[in-house]
Structure formats: structure tokens, C-alpha cells
Amino acid sequence: MAPRTVNIHEAKTHLSRLVDRAAGGEPFIIAKAGKPLVKVVPVDAPAAPVRKRMGFLAGQISVPDDFDTMGAAEIDRLFNNR
């Protein structure tokens, strides 16, 4: 379930209640003019999962030296009727 989004005015008006709910495990997002600005979560909330970084296949695959020009002649023929 996506976190609840509240506008700044609502957040100011109901901050204590919103913080209590966030501390209990219900994070919320504060938006301004409909644009999300910040997410309020409990301090002990689990961290976001770590994404695999680029390079995780290093040494397992190879990229040809002409990768950026592969198929250029055929592309030119198809688009330029040559």
C-alpha cells in the first residue's frame, strides 16, 4: 500500500496525529501543490533494499569494440533507402 499523501496545510494542522501514525508504522508524504516533497517514516524503519550496482556481470560478458556502430549500414539502408 502506498503511503498517504498530505498537503503542507494538512500536515501543519494535524502534525502530532500524523507523526504518531508514522511512528506506528504508517509513513506519509508531504506534498506542496500536489508535488511530493518529503516522506516521513519512523526512525527505526528498515532501510530501502540495496540495488545491485552496475558491473555485477564484470568479466562474464564482453562488448565488441564496434558496439556503438554495429548495424549502422543496415540502419542507414532502412531509413535512407540506400
PDB file of N, CA and C in Angstrom:
ATOM      1  N   MET A   1       0.835  -1.180   0.000  1.00  0.00           N
ATOM      2  CA  MET A   1       0.000   0.000   0.000  1.00  0.00           C
ATOM      3  C   MET A   1       0.882   1.246   0.000  1.00  0.00           C
ATOM      4  N   ALA A   2       0.569   2.199  -0.864  1.00  0.00           N
ATOM      5  CA  ALA A   2       1.358   3.423  -0.976  1.00  0.00           C
ATOM      6  C   ALA A   2       1.122   4.310   0.248  1.00  0.00           C
ATOM      7  N   PRO A   3       2.152   5.028   0.664  1.00  0.00           N
ATOM      8  CA  PRO A   3       1.984   5.941   1.799  1.00  0.00           C
ATOM      9  C   PRO A   3       0.957   7.036   1.476  1.00  0.00           C
ATOM     10  N   ARG A   4       0.275   7.473   2.490  1.00  0.00           N
ATOM     11  CA  ARG A   4      -0.702   8.551   2.358  1.00  0.00           C
ATOM     12  C   ARG A   4       0.024   9.849   2.010  1.00  0.00           C
ATOM     13  N   THR A   5      -0.567  10.654   1.142  1.00  0.00           N
ATOM     14  CA  THR A   5      -0.003  11.955   0.786  1.00  0.00           C
ATOM     15  C   THR A   5      -0.892  13.046   1.370  1.00  0.00           C
ATOM     16  N   VAL A   6      -0.265  13.992   2.068  1.00  0.00           N
ATOM     17  CA  VAL A   6      -0.999  15.125   2.645  1.00  0.00           C
ATOM     18  C   VAL A   6      -0.348  16.415   2.169  1.00  0.00           C
ATOM     19  N   ASN A   7      -1.160  17.474   2.051  1.00  0.00           N
ATOM     20  CA  ASN A   7      -0.573  18.754   1.670  1.00  0.00           C
ATOM     21  C   ASN A   7       0.022  19.432   2.904  1.00  0.00           C
ATOM     22  N   ILE A   8       0.809  20.457   2.694  1.00  0.00           N
ATOM     23  CA  ILE A   8       1.508  21.125   3.793  1.00  0.00           C
ATOM     24  C   ILE A   8       0.530  21.656   4.831  1.00  0.00           C
ATOM     25  N   HIS A   9      -0.558  22.249   4.396  1.00  0.00           N
ATOM     26  CA  HIS A   9      -1.526  22.811   5.343  1.00  0.00           C
ATOM     27  C   HIS A   9      -2.085  21.708   6.248  1.00  0.00           C
ATOM     28  N   GLU A  10      -2.471  20.588   5.652  1.00  0.00           N
ATOM     29  CA  GLU A  10      -2.994  19.475   6.447  1.00  0.00           C
ATOM     30  C   GLU A  10      -1.928  18.940   7.395  1.00  0.00           C
ATOM     31  N   ALA A  11      -0.680  18.860   6.927  1.00  0.00           N
ATOM     32  CA  ALA A  11       0.411  18.372   7.768  1.00  0.00           C
ATOM     33  C   ALA A  11       0.618  19.292   8.967  1.00  0.00           C
ATOM     34  N   LYS A  12       0.564  20.603   8.753  1.00  0.00           N
ATOM     35  CA  LYS A  12       0.726  21.550   9.865  1.00  0.00           C
ATOM     36  C   LYS A  12      -0.442  21.429  10.841  1.00  0.00           C
ATOM     37  N   THR A  13      -1.634  21.280  10.306  1.00  0.00           N
ATOM     38  CA  THR A  13      -2.825  21.222  11.149  1.00  0.00           C
ATOM     39  C   THR A  13      -2.866  19.949  11.990  1.00  0.00           C
ATOM     40  N   HIS A  14      -2.437  18.836  11.420  1.00  0.00           N
ATOM     41  CA  HIS A  14      -2.554  17.535  12.088  1.00  0.00           C
ATOM     42  C   HIS A  14      -1.199  16.877  12.337  1.00  0.00           C
ATOM     43  N   LEU A  15      -0.150  17.671  12.516  1.00  0.00           N
ATOM     44  CA  LEU A  15       1.200  17.126  12.607  1.00  0.00           C
ATOM     45  C   LEU A  15       1.346  16.096  13.724  1.00  0.00           C
ATOM     46  N   SER A  16       0.854  16.379  14.898  1.00  0.00           N
ATOM     47  CA  SER A  16       1.010  15.460  16.019  1.00  0.00           C
ATOM     48  C   SER A  16       0.385  14.105  15.702  1.00  0.00           C
ATOM     49  N   ARG A  17      -0.823  14.111  15.186  1.00  0.00           N
ATOM     50  CA  ARG A  17      -1.507  12.857  14.859  1.00  0.00           C
ATOM     51  C   ARG A  17      -0.767  12.117  13.743  1.00  0.00           C
ATOM     52  N   LEU A  18      -0.323  12.852  12.703  1.00  0.00           N
ATOM     53  CA  LEU A  18       0.397  12.230  11.597  1.00  0.00           C
ATOM     54  C   LEU A  18       1.712  11.607  12.058  1.00  0.00           C
ATOM     55  N   VAL A  19       2.428  12.309  12.933  1.00  0.00           N
ATOM     56  CA  VAL A  19       3.701  11.790  13.439  1.00  0.00           C
ATOM     57  C   VAL A  19       3.457  10.538  14.280  1.00  0.00           C
ATOM     58  N   ASP A  20       2.420  10.546  15.102  1.00  0.00           N
ATOM     59  CA  ASP A  20       2.096   9.352  15.893  1.00  0.00           C
ATOM     60  C   ASP A  20       1.822   8.155  14.985  1.00  0.00           C
ATOM     61  N   ARG A  21       1.075   8.389  13.913  1.00  0.00           N
ATOM     62  CA  ARG A  21       0.761   7.301  12.988  1.00  0.00           C
ATOM     63  C   ARG A  21       2.025   6.825  12.260  1.00  0.00           C
ATOM     64  N   ALA A  22       2.887   7.776  11.860  1.00  0.00           N
ATOM     65  CA  ALA A  22       4.139   7.394  11.188  1.00  0.00           C
ATOM     66  C   ALA A  22       5.010   6.580  12.134  1.00  0.00           C
ATOM     67  N   ALA A  23       5.082   6.986  13.390  1.00  0.00           N
ATOM     68  CA  ALA A  23       5.879   6.254  14.380  1.00  0.00           C
ATOM     69  C   ALA A  23       5.325   4.847  14.573  1.00  0.00           C
ATOM     70  N   GLY A  24       4.036   4.676  14.362  1.00  0.00           N
ATOM     71  CA  GLY A  24       3.409   3.372  14.481  1.00  0.00           C
ATOM     72  C   GLY A  24       3.513   2.534  13.217  1.00  0.00           C
ATOM     73  N   GLY A  25       4.206   3.025  12.218  1.00  0.00           N
ATOM     74  CA  GLY A  25       4.427   2.238  11.008  1.00  0.00           C
ATOM     75  C   GLY A  25       3.631   2.677   9.798  1.00  0.00           C
ATOM     76  N   GLU A  26       2.982   3.833   9.866  1.00  0.00           N
ATOM     77  CA  GLU A  26       2.224   4.344   8.713  1.00  0.00           C
ATOM     78  C   GLU A  26       2.916   5.597   8.168  1.00  0.00           C
ATOM     79  N   PRO A  27       3.937   5.434   7.327  1.00  0.00           N
ATOM     80  CA  PRO A  27       4.627   6.607   6.786  1.00  0.00           C
ATOM     81  C   PRO A  27       3.683   7.453   5.945  1.00  0.00           C
ATOM     82  N   PHE A  28       4.033   8.730   5.783  1.00  0.00           N
ATOM     83  CA  PHE A  28       3.234   9.613   4.930  1.00  0.00           C
ATOM     84  C   PHE A  28       4.150  10.539   4.155  1.00  0.00           C
ATOM     85  N   ILE A  29       3.598  11.111   3.102  1.00  0.00           N
ATOM     86  CA  ILE A  29       4.339  12.026   2.233  1.00  0.00           C
ATOM     87  C   ILE A  29       3.714  13.400   2.344  1.00  0.00           C
ATOM     88  N   ILE A  30       4.547  14.417   2.458  1.00  0.00           N
ATOM     89  CA  ILE A  30       4.070  15.797   2.471  1.00  0.00           C
ATOM     90  C   ILE A  30       4.312  16.375   1.079  1.00  0.00           C
ATOM     91  N   ALA A  31       3.245  16.938   0.500  1.00  0.00           N
ATOM     92  CA  ALA A  31       3.313  17.495  -0.848  1.00  0.00           C
ATOM     93  C   ALA A  31       2.992  18.985  -0.823  1.00  0.00           C
ATOM     94  N   LYS A  32       3.506  19.692  -1.806  1.00  0.00           N
ATOM     95  CA  LYS A  32       3.209  21.113  -1.991  1.00  0.00           C
ATOM     96  C   LYS A  32       2.706  21.273  -3.416  1.00  0.00           C
ATOM     97  N   ALA A  33       1.508  21.789  -3.553  1.00  0.00           N
ATOM     98  CA  ALA A  33       0.865  21.951  -4.857  1.00  0.00           C
ATOM     99  C   ALA A  33       0.809  20.610  -5.600  1.00  0.00           C
ATOM    100  N   GLY A  34       0.583  19.531  -4.835  1.00  0.00           N
ATOM    101  CA  GLY A  34       0.463  18.210  -5.437  1.00  0.00           C
ATOM    102  C   GLY A  34       1.778  17.521  -5.739  1.00  0.00           C
ATOM    103  N   LYS A  35       2.897  18.205  -5.524  1.00  0.00           N
ATOM    104  CA  LYS A  35       4.216  17.626  -5.815  1.00  0.00           C
ATOM    105  C   LYS A  35       4.819  17.077  -4.522  1.00  0.00           C
ATOM    106  N   PRO A  36       5.076  15.758  -4.453  1.00  0.00           N
ATOM    107  CA  PRO A  36       5.660  15.176  -3.239  1.00  0.00           C
ATOM    108  C   PRO A  36       7.009  15.818  -2.913  1.00  0.00           C
ATOM    109  N   LEU A  37       7.190  16.187  -1.636  1.00  0.00           N
ATOM    110  CA  LEU A  37       8.433  16.829  -1.213  1.00  0.00           C
ATOM    111  C   LEU A  37       9.249  15.957  -0.266  1.00  0.00           C
ATOM    112  N   VAL A  38       8.593  15.418   0.768  1.00  0.00           N
ATOM    113  CA  VAL A  38       9.307  14.628   1.765  1.00  0.00           C
ATOM    114  C   VAL A  38       8.462  13.433   2.190  1.00  0.00           C
ATOM    115  N   LYS A  39       9.154  12.405   2.671  1.00  0.00           N
ATOM    116  CA  LYS A  39       8.474  11.220   3.200  1.00  0.00           C
ATOM    117  C   LYS A  39       8.830  11.122   4.678  1.00  0.00           C
ATOM    118  N   VAL A  40       7.824  10.979   5.516  1.00  0.00           N
ATOM    119  CA  VAL A  40       8.032  10.863   6.956  1.00  0.00           C
ATOM    120  C   VAL A  40       7.868   9.394   7.325  1.00  0.00           C
ATOM    121  N   VAL A  41       8.933   8.828   7.901  1.00  0.00           N
ATOM    122  CA  VAL A  41       8.943   7.420   8.292  1.00  0.00           C
ATOM    123  C   VAL A  41       9.487   7.316   9.715  1.00  0.00           C
ATOM    124  N   PRO A  42       9.215   6.211  10.401  1.00  0.00           N
ATOM    125  CA  PRO A  42       9.777   6.033  11.741  1.00  0.00           C
ATOM    126  C   PRO A  42      11.302   5.976  11.678  1.00  0.00           C
ATOM    127  N   VAL A  43      11.938   6.426  12.731  1.00  0.00           N
ATOM    128  CA  VAL A  43      13.400   6.431  12.779  1.00  0.00           C
ATOM    129  C   VAL A  43      13.954   5.022  12.619  1.00  0.00           C
ATOM    130  N   ASP A  44      13.285   4.035  13.172  1.00  0.00           N
ATOM    131  CA  ASP A  44      13.793   2.669  13.100  1.00  0.00           C
ATOM    132  C   ASP A  44      13.233   1.883  11.919  1.00  0.00           C
ATOM    133  N   ALA A  45      12.730   2.589  10.916  1.00  0.00           N
ATOM    134  CA  ALA A  45      12.188   1.930   9.725  1.00  0.00           C
ATOM    135  C   ALA A  45      13.313   1.210   8.990  1.00  0.00           C
ATOM    136  N   PRO A  46      13.018   0.055   8.425  1.00  0.00           N
ATOM    137  CA  PRO A  46      14.069  -0.650   7.679  1.00  0.00           C
ATOM    138  C   PRO A  46      14.526   0.178   6.484  1.00  0.00           C
ATOM    139  N   ALA A  47      15.797   0.103   6.206  1.00  0.00           N
ATOM    140  CA  ALA A  47      16.360   0.854   5.076  1.00  0.00           C
ATOM    141  C   ALA A  47      15.833   0.271   3.767  1.00  0.00           C
ATOM    142  N   ALA A  48      15.833   1.098   2.750  1.00  0.00           N
ATOM    143  CA  ALA A  48      15.421   0.637   1.424  1.00  0.00           C
ATOM    144  C   ALA A  48      16.375  -0.462   0.968  1.00  0.00           C
ATOM    145  N   PRO A  49      15.889  -1.435   0.218  1.00  0.00           N
ATOM    146  CA  PRO A  49      16.772  -2.508  -0.239  1.00  0.00           C
ATOM    147  C   PRO A  49      17.899  -1.958  -1.114  1.00  0.00           C
ATOM    148  N   VAL A  50      19.044  -2.554  -0.961  1.00  0.00           N
ATOM    149  CA  VAL A  50      20.208  -2.128  -1.734  1.00  0.00           C
ATOM    150  C   VAL A  50      20.071  -2.662  -3.155  1.00  0.00           C
ATOM    151  N   ARG A  51      20.218  -1.761  -4.114  1.00  0.00           N
ATOM    152  CA  ARG A  51      20.135  -2.167  -5.516  1.00  0.00           C
ATOM    153  C   ARG A  51      21.496  -2.662  -5.979  1.00  0.00           C
ATOM    154  N   LYS A  52      21.462  -3.652  -6.862  1.00  0.00           N
ATOM    155  CA  LYS A  52      22.716  -4.124  -7.423  1.00  0.00           C
ATOM    156  C   LYS A  52      23.329  -3.019  -8.268  1.00  0.00           C
ATOM    157  N   ARG A  53      24.619  -2.874  -8.126  1.00  0.00           N
ATOM    158  CA  ARG A  53      25.314  -1.837  -8.876  1.00  0.00           C
ATOM    159  C   ARG A  53      25.704  -2.346 -10.245  1.00  0.00           C
ATOM    160  N   MET A  54      25.925  -1.405 -11.141  1.00  0.00           N
ATOM    161  CA  MET A  54      26.417  -1.766 -12.469  1.00  0.00           C
ATOM    162  C   MET A  54      27.778  -2.430 -12.284  1.00  0.00           C
ATOM    163  N   GLY A  55      28.060  -3.333 -13.134  1.00  0.00           N
ATOM    164  CA  GLY A  55      29.332  -4.031 -13.048  1.00  0.00           C
ATOM    165  C   GLY A  55      29.195  -5.404 -12.408  1.00  0.00           C
ATOM    166  N   PHE A  56      27.981  -5.779 -12.024  1.00  0.00           N
ATOM    167  CA  PHE A  56      27.820  -7.067 -11.369  1.00  0.00           C
ATOM    168  C   PHE A  56      28.093  -8.233 -12.309  1.00  0.00           C
ATOM    169  N   LEU A  57      28.142  -7.983 -13.629  1.00  0.00           N
ATOM    170  CA  LEU A  57      28.479  -9.032 -14.594  1.00  0.00           C
ATOM    171  C   LEU A  57      29.888  -8.851 -15.158  1.00  0.00           C
ATOM    172  N   ALA A  58      30.679  -8.024 -14.497  1.00  0.00           N
ATOM    173  CA  ALA A  58      32.040  -7.764 -14.976  1.00  0.00           C
ATOM    174  C   ALA A  58      32.805  -9.075 -15.132  1.00  0.00           C
ATOM    175  N   GLY A  59      33.430  -9.234 -16.287  1.00  0.00           N
ATOM    176  CA  GLY A  59      34.210 -10.423 -16.565  1.00  0.00           C
ATOM    177  C   GLY A  59      33.382 -11.595 -17.085  1.00  0.00           C
ATOM    178  N   GLN A  60      32.056 -11.469 -17.058  1.00  0.00           N
ATOM    179  CA  GLN A  60      31.197 -12.553 -17.504  1.00  0.00           C
ATOM    180  C   GLN A  60      30.646 -12.316 -18.910  1.00  0.00           C
ATOM    181  N   ILE A  61      30.669 -11.089 -19.359  1.00  0.00           N
ATOM    182  CA  ILE A  61      30.218 -10.766 -20.709  1.00  0.00           C
ATOM    183  C   ILE A  61      31.247  -9.871 -21.363  1.00  0.00           C
ATOM    184  N   SER A  62      31.184  -9.785 -22.681  1.00  0.00           N
ATOM    185  CA  SER A  62      32.094  -8.874 -23.383  1.00  0.00           C
ATOM    186  C   SER A  62      31.284  -8.056 -24.385  1.00  0.00           C
ATOM    187  N   VAL A  63      31.706  -6.843 -24.574  1.00  0.00           N
ATOM    188  CA  VAL A  63      31.050  -5.938 -25.509  1.00  0.00           C
ATOM    189  C   VAL A  63      32.028  -5.668 -26.643  1.00  0.00           C
ATOM    190  N   PRO A  64      31.605  -5.889 -27.888  1.00  0.00           N
ATOM    191  CA  PRO A  64      32.519  -5.657 -29.013  1.00  0.00           C
ATOM    192  C   PRO A  64      32.957  -4.191 -29.085  1.00  0.00           C
ATOM    193  N   ASP A  65      34.155  -3.975 -29.609  1.00  0.00           N
ATOM    194  CA  ASP A  65      34.668  -2.608 -29.731  1.00  0.00           C
ATOM    195  C   ASP A  65      33.794  -1.740 -30.622  1.00  0.00           C
ATOM    196  N   ASP A  66      33.141  -2.348 -31.619  1.00  0.00           N
ATOM    197  CA  ASP A  66      32.317  -1.562 -32.545  1.00  0.00           C
ATOM    198  C   ASP A  66      30.837  -1.550 -32.132  1.00  0.00           C
ATOM    199  N   PHE A  67      30.557  -1.775 -30.859  1.00  0.00           N
ATOM    200  CA  PHE A  67      29.181  -1.860 -30.378  1.00  0.00           C
ATOM    201  C   PHE A  67      28.337  -0.656 -30.785  1.00  0.00           C
ATOM    202  N   ASP A  68      28.898   0.548 -30.659  1.00  0.00           N
ATOM    203  CA  ASP A  68      28.120   1.759 -30.951  1.00  0.00           C
ATOM    204  C   ASP A  68      27.894   1.993 -32.448  1.00  0.00           C
ATOM    205  N   THR A  69      28.522   1.206 -33.307  1.00  0.00           N
ATOM    206  CA  THR A  69      28.301   1.358 -34.752  1.00  0.00           C
ATOM    207  C   THR A  69      27.782   0.077 -35.391  1.00  0.00           C
ATOM    208  N   MET A  70      27.521  -0.926 -34.594  1.00  0.00           N
ATOM    209  CA  MET A  70      27.014  -2.200 -35.127  1.00  0.00           C
ATOM    210  C   MET A  70      25.699  -1.965 -35.862  1.00  0.00           C
ATOM    211  N   GLY A  71      25.589  -2.501 -37.042  1.00  0.00           N
ATOM    212  CA  GLY A  71      24.353  -2.395 -37.810  1.00  0.00           C
ATOM    213  C   GLY A  71      24.135  -1.044 -38.458  1.00  0.00           C
ATOM    214  N   ALA A  72      25.112  -0.156 -38.422  1.00  0.00           N
ATOM    215  CA  ALA A  72      24.941   1.189 -38.968  1.00  0.00           C
ATOM    216  C   ALA A  72      24.610   1.154 -40.460  1.00  0.00           C
ATOM    217  N   ALA A  73      25.248   0.277 -41.202  1.00  0.00           N
ATOM    218  CA  ALA A  73      24.993   0.211 -42.644  1.00  0.00           C
ATOM    219  C   ALA A  73      23.555  -0.222 -42.916  1.00  0.00           C
ATOM    220  N   GLU A  74      23.073  -1.203 -42.177  1.00  0.00           N
ATOM    221  CA  GLU A  74      21.694  -1.653 -42.380  1.00  0.00           C
ATOM    222  C   GLU A  74      20.693  -0.591 -41.946  1.00  0.00           C
ATOM    223  N   ILE A  75      20.966   0.082 -40.845  1.00  0.00           N
ATOM    224  CA  ILE A  75      20.090   1.152 -40.380  1.00  0.00           C
ATOM    225  C   ILE A  75      20.013   2.255 -41.432  1.00  0.00           C
ATOM    226  N   ASP A  76      21.173   2.620 -41.958  1.00  0.00           N
ATOM    227  CA  ASP A  76      21.222   3.643 -42.999  1.00  0.00           C
ATOM    228  C   ASP A  76      20.420   3.199 -44.215  1.00  0.00           C
ATOM    229  N   ARG A  77      20.576   1.949 -44.613  1.00  0.00           N
ATOM    230  CA  ARG A  77      19.818   1.430 -45.767  1.00  0.00           C
ATOM    231  C   ARG A  77      18.332   1.462 -45.497  1.00  0.00           C
ATOM    232  N   LEU A  78      17.891   1.066 -44.308  1.00  0.00           N
ATOM    233  CA  LEU A  78      16.471   1.011 -43.995  1.00  0.00           C
ATOM    234  C   LEU A  78      15.824   2.393 -43.928  1.00  0.00           C
ATOM    235  N   PHE A  79      16.537   3.346 -43.350  1.00  0.00           N
ATOM    236  CA  PHE A  79      15.955   4.672 -43.161  1.00  0.00           C
ATOM    237  C   PHE A  79      16.175   5.629 -44.332  1.00  0.00           C
ATOM    238  N   ASN A  80      17.192   5.370 -45.114  1.00  0.00           N
ATOM    239  CA  ASN A  80      17.528   6.280 -46.201  1.00  0.00           C
ATOM    240  C   ASN A  80      17.386   5.633 -47.568  1.00  0.00           C
ATOM    241  N   ASN A  81      16.810   4.454 -47.621  1.00  0.00           N
ATOM    242  CA  ASN A  81      16.589   3.727 -48.879  1.00  0.00           C
ATOM    243  C   ASN A  81      17.853   3.653 -49.735  1.00  0.00           C
ATOM    244  N   ARG A  82      18.959   3.349 -49.136  1.00  0.00           N
ATOM    245  CA  ARG A  82      20.224   3.286 -49.881  1.00  0.00           C
ATOM    246  C   ARG A  82      20.574   1.871 -50.185  1.00  0.00           C
TER     247      ARG A  82
END
